[in-house]
Amino acid sequence: MGRWRRHSREFKRQAVERMKACDNIRALARELEIQQKLLYVWKYELEGKPKAAVEIDPEVRKQQKLKEEVSRLKQALADKTLEADFFRSALQRLKERRQGNAASGAPASTNRSGK
């Protein structure tokens, strides 16, 4: 499998047809003395589909992963910001209630314990 060679369109077509009927693609690739990945590339070419995900440039794949991570982190930051705003407003309301009770000289809002 180490040497480079060009295959005819007919050879590729026959290999893909055998691949469709085959249960063990790896064994077929060994028998044809080609890489397993190459069978899938030929299959996509013959079907007129865009190249398989295997063919995506590693740099593009890395950028996609980074974009996904940035999106995930932005969502997490937005969630934490909402959470902090909620607690900030709740704390502010508690402070306002306490200040209102202390200024009026009214008794505490809770009863004394029965001790």
Protein backbone atom coordinates (compact mmCIF):
# COMPACT_ATOMS: atom_id res chain seq x y z
CA MET A 1 0.00 0.00 0.00
CA GLY A 2 2.99 2.32 0.25
CA ARG A 3 3.48 3.10 -3.42
CA TRP A 4 1.56 5.75 -5.30
CA ARG A 5 -0.39 4.80 -8.41
CA ARG A 6 -3.23 6.13 -10.52
CA HIS A 7 -6.41 4.10 -10.91
CA SER A 8 -8.76 4.16 -13.87
CA ARG A 9 -12.32 5.38 -13.55
CA GLU A 10 -13.53 1.83 -14.29
CA PHE A 11 -11.39 0.37 -11.49
CA LYS A 12 -12.81 2.97 -9.08
CA ARG A 13 -16.38 2.23 -10.17
CA GLN A 14 -15.90 -1.53 -9.72
CA ALA A 15 -14.25 -1.03 -6.33
CA VAL A 16 -17.17 1.13 -5.16
CA GLU A 17 -19.69 -1.44 -6.41
CA ARG A 18 -17.86 -4.17 -4.48
CA MET A 19 -17.73 -1.89 -1.46
CA LYS A 20 -21.52 -1.46 -1.49
CA ALA A 21 -22.03 -5.23 -1.44
CA CYS A 22 -19.17 -5.93 0.98
CA ASP A 23 -19.49 -6.55 4.72
CA ASN A 24 -15.83 -5.91 5.53
CA ILE A 25 -14.53 -2.73 3.86
CA ARG A 26 -11.13 -3.01 5.52
CA ALA A 27 -10.57 -6.47 4.02
CA LEU A 28 -11.65 -5.22 0.60
CA ALA A 29 -9.18 -2.33 0.82
CA ARG A 30 -6.39 -4.75 1.73
CA GLU A 31 -7.34 -7.01 -1.15
CA LEU A 32 -7.29 -4.09 -3.62
CA GLU A 33 -4.07 -2.79 -2.00
CA ILE A 34 -5.49 0.67 -1.37
CA GLN A 35 -6.35 2.71 1.70
CA GLN A 36 -9.83 2.25 3.13
CA LYS A 37 -10.34 6.02 3.10
CA LEU A 38 -9.77 6.06 -0.65
CA LEU A 39 -12.80 3.82 -1.21
CA TYR A 40 -15.01 6.37 0.52
CA VAL A 41 -13.47 9.24 -1.45
CA TRP A 42 -14.21 7.40 -4.70
CA LYS A 43 -17.73 6.63 -3.53
CA TYR A 44 -18.45 10.31 -2.87
CA GLU A 45 -16.90 11.30 -6.20
CA LEU A 46 -18.99 8.79 -8.16
CA GLU A 47 -22.19 9.80 -6.33
CA GLY A 48 -21.51 13.46 -7.06
CA LYS A 49 -21.62 14.38 -3.37
CA PRO A 50 -19.26 16.79 -1.66
CA LYS A 51 -16.19 15.16 -0.19
CA ALA A 52 -16.55 13.25 3.06
CA ALA A 53 -15.91 14.87 6.42
CA VAL A 54 -12.64 12.93 6.45
CA GLU A 55 -11.40 15.28 3.74
CA ILE A 56 -11.96 18.50 5.73
CA ASP A 57 -8.76 20.42 6.23
CA PRO A 58 -7.46 20.00 9.82
CA GLU A 59 -7.09 23.79 10.13
CA VAL A 60 -10.74 24.31 9.14
CA ARG A 61 -11.82 21.59 11.58
CA LYS A 62 -9.82 23.32 14.34
CA GLN A 63 -11.47 26.67 13.55
CA GLN A 64 -14.91 25.06 13.66
CA LYS A 65 -14.18 23.56 17.09
CA LEU A 66 -12.94 26.93 18.36
CA LYS A 67 -16.06 28.70 17.07
CA GLU A 68 -18.25 26.14 18.82
CA GLU A 69 -16.30 26.61 22.04
CA VAL A 70 -16.61 30.41 21.79
CA SER A 71 -20.38 30.07 21.32
CA ARG A 72 -20.62 27.74 24.29
CA LEU A 73 -18.57 30.11 26.47
CA LYS A 74 -20.64 33.13 25.40
CA GLN A 75 -23.81 31.28 26.40
CA ALA A 76 -22.29 30.33 29.76
CA LEU A 77 -21.26 33.96 30.34
CA ALA A 78 -24.77 35.18 29.50
CA ASP A 79 -26.26 32.65 31.94
CA LYS A 80 -23.90 33.73 34.73
CA THR A 81 -24.62 37.41 34.04
CA LEU A 82 -28.37 36.80 34.36
CA GLU A 83 -27.77 34.86 37.57
CA ALA A 84 -25.62 37.65 39.04
CA ASP A 85 -28.23 40.29 38.09
CA PHE A 86 -30.96 38.25 39.78
CA PHE A 87 -29.01 37.95 43.03
CA ARG A 88 -27.94 41.62 42.90
CA SER A 89 -31.57 42.76 42.62
CA ALA A 90 -32.69 40.34 45.37
CA LEU A 91 -29.97 41.66 47.68
CA GLN A 92 -30.96 45.23 46.86
CA ARG A 93 -34.59 44.50 47.83
CA LEU A 94 -33.47 42.95 51.13
CA LYS A 95 -31.36 46.01 51.93
CA GLU A 96 -34.30 48.32 51.16
CA ARG A 97 -36.59 46.33 53.47
CA ARG A 98 -34.08 46.41 56.32
CA GLN A 99 -33.50 50.15 55.92
CA GLY A 100 -37.24 50.76 55.92
CA ASN A 101 -37.75 48.85 59.19
CA ALA A 102 -34.82 50.50 61.01
CA ALA A 103 -35.84 54.05 60.09
CA SER A 104 -39.42 53.75 61.37
CA GLY A 105 -38.46 52.43 64.77
CA ALA A 106 -40.93 49.61 64.34
CA PRO A 107 -40.34 46.26 65.98
CA ALA A 108 -38.49 43.55 64.11
CA SER A 109 -40.46 41.65 61.54
CA THR A 110 -39.96 38.33 63.37
CA ASN A 111 -41.33 37.36 66.76
CA ARG A 112 -39.09 36.62 69.67
CA SER A 113 -38.41 33.03 70.45
CA GLY A 114 -40.37 31.48 73.31
CA LYS A 115 -37.36 31.21 75.62
